Amino acid sequence: EHPSEVQRQSIPQAILGTDIVCQVKSGMGKTTVFILVTLQQLKLVDGQVSVLVLCHTSNLTFSTRH
């Protein structure tokens, strides 16, 4: 409902195409930043993979998937 500080700072920059680095504690909204920016920039091409998401933990995989 209300974006976190990392989301307020990162999302506008990332949508503009700027590379971002998000280093904050767990639960601060990093995954949401990456998902929203990816969806915003997604260009669907029929029959092609558009996005590949790699997660280094099963917890992150679960939160990204849901």
Protein backbone atom coordinates (compact mmCIF):
# COMPACT_ATOMS: atom_id res chain seq x y z
CA GLU A 1 0.00 0.00 0.00
CA HIS A 2 2.81 2.41 0.92
CA PRO A 3 6.23 1.93 -0.67
CA SER A 4 9.28 1.41 1.52
CA GLU A 5 12.23 3.79 1.36
CA VAL A 6 14.21 1.44 -0.90
CA GLN A 7 11.20 1.17 -3.23
CA ARG A 8 10.71 4.96 -3.38
CA GLN A 9 14.38 5.45 -4.24
CA SER A 10 14.95 2.51 -6.58
CA ILE A 11 11.84 2.01 -8.70
CA PRO A 12 11.85 5.37 -10.53
CA GLN A 13 15.57 5.07 -11.30
CA ALA A 14 15.29 1.48 -12.51
CA ILE A 15 12.30 2.25 -14.75
CA LEU A 16 14.43 4.93 -16.40
CA GLY A 17 17.00 2.23 -17.17
CA THR A 18 19.55 3.13 -14.51
CA ASP A 19 21.36 0.20 -12.91
CA ILE A 20 20.49 -0.10 -9.24
CA VAL A 21 21.95 -1.88 -6.23
CA CYS A 22 19.58 -2.57 -3.33
CA GLN A 23 21.26 -3.46 -0.06
CA VAL A 24 18.82 -3.44 2.84
CA LYS A 25 17.66 -5.88 5.48
CA SER A 26 15.38 -8.77 4.65
CA GLY A 27 11.73 -7.80 4.31
CA MET A 28 12.35 -4.21 3.18
CA GLY A 29 10.94 -4.62 -0.35
CA LYS A 30 13.85 -5.54 -2.61
CA THR A 31 11.99 -8.38 -4.33
CA THR A 32 9.05 -6.08 -5.02
CA VAL A 33 11.43 -3.58 -6.63
CA PHE A 34 12.85 -6.19 -8.99
CA ILE A 35 9.44 -7.64 -9.89
CA LEU A 36 7.73 -4.30 -10.55
CA VAL A 37 10.61 -2.96 -12.63
CA THR A 38 10.83 -6.19 -14.63
CA LEU A 39 7.09 -6.16 -15.35
CA GLN A 40 7.22 -2.46 -16.29
CA GLN A 41 9.94 -3.07 -18.88
CA LEU A 42 8.70 -6.43 -20.16
CA LYS A 43 8.30 -6.72 -23.91
CA LEU A 44 6.48 -9.92 -24.79
CA VAL A 45 7.56 -11.74 -27.93
CA ASP A 46 5.41 -14.68 -28.93
CA GLY A 47 7.24 -17.99 -28.57
CA GLN A 48 10.27 -16.54 -26.76
CA VAL A 49 11.37 -16.50 -23.15
CA SER A 50 10.96 -12.93 -21.90
CA VAL A 51 12.32 -13.16 -18.35
CA LEU A 52 14.53 -15.61 -16.49
CA VAL A 53 14.54 -15.25 -12.71
CA LEU A 54 17.34 -16.89 -10.72
CA CYS A 55 17.04 -17.06 -6.94
CA HIS A 56 19.78 -18.12 -4.57
CA THR A 57 17.49 -19.38 -1.78
CA SER A 58 14.26 -21.36 -1.65
CA ASN A 59 12.69 -18.61 0.50
CA LEU A 60 13.39 -16.03 -2.19
CA THR A 61 12.05 -18.39 -4.84
CA PHE A 62 8.82 -18.73 -2.87
CA SER A 63 8.38 -14.98 -2.34
CA THR A 64 9.16 -14.24 -6.00
CA ARG A 65 6.74 -16.87 -7.23
CA HIS A 66 3.88 -15.74 -5.00
